[in-house]
Amino acid sequence: MTAEFLRIQDQISTTMSRFPGFLGKEVVRPAPGLQEEWVSVFRFASAEGLRHWIESEERRAMILELDSCADGTGRLQVIAGDDEERPPVTVVFSHRVKRGCEARFRAWREEVLHEMSVWPGFLGADVFDPRGAQEEWVLIVRFAAAGNLESWMGSERRAACIVRLEPLIEGYTAHPLGSGLGGWFAFDDAPSAEEPPRWKQILMVTLGLFPTVMLLALFVDPWLEWMPFPVHMLLANLLCVSLLTWPVMPWLNRRFGRWLALRKRGGWRRHAAGAVVVAVLLGVWLALFLAVWPWKFWFPRPA
């Protein structure tokens, strides 16, 4: 059915070109052993233009034609938008399901997807069962805006779903796809895990970064000074980022986890109290390094 499938794809391209905001379309062929499906990528200038196409009668008719060529059901995945004020957001949930609970977990997943499908701003979801080197059950959820995701994460419906989920899993992680700092804030075994506000991320990264950089400057930099300065900086930055990624940020996440995960309704006093604690700790580090820095050249140095 390949020839018929490609004919319908050409027809879709011609029809889409008449829709406002259409920018282009690409068809990616399967790669044996790597990618088994045909992938069509559609680009629109705005989320409204894409929505107009998705809801159109023309698309519905062509989907019926494509179904006659397909072995299985196709999946629609919205992965981008150009609304800068309310950008779409994506969260990746990785579940570690207990042995023997797989069927009950699938039933739970269908239930929670049904609950999300009627939630305001829900765009879609993709599910990936364990396969090969992938041992976890992955659920990718997309909402039209951060506010929609936040309202779902704090809803009573989701809380009820989580209660039914907990006996089936050993734990899970939630990885929001958003800011560049979000990768340093992944919480294990936390049903309400989500990316902290940007200002909390900045405070926490600063709390981890400042002492790390200063300690490296005191004890490691003297052993790298013989190198050309660009090489020195490359190695120092690589070491600093590695320390933040593995020991430092996970440790801070565990110590400040409740404060980082605190939602807006937690009250401004609790948010402010955590910020004060971080500021005090930074002040202690600053005082310590101001006292120690004059003695820097007394520390052991390479011969």
Foldseek 3Di string as FASTA:
>chain_A
DVVQLVVLVVVVQVVLVPFAFWDDKDWDDADPPPGDDIDMDTDGNFPVSVVCVVPDPVVVVSLVVNVVVDDDHDDDDDDWGDPVVFTKKKKKKWFAFDPPCVVVVVVLVVVVQVVLVPQAFWDDKDWDDDDDPRRTTMIMTMGRGPVSVVCVLPDPVLVVSVVSCVVGTPWMWMQMPDDPLRLLQIDIRDSSDDFFDPVVSVLLVCLQQVVLLLVCVQPPLLALVVDPPVVSVVVSVVVSVVCSNPPRSVVSCVVCVVLRSDDPVNDVVSVVVVVVVSVVSVVVSVVVCVVCVVCSVVPDHDD
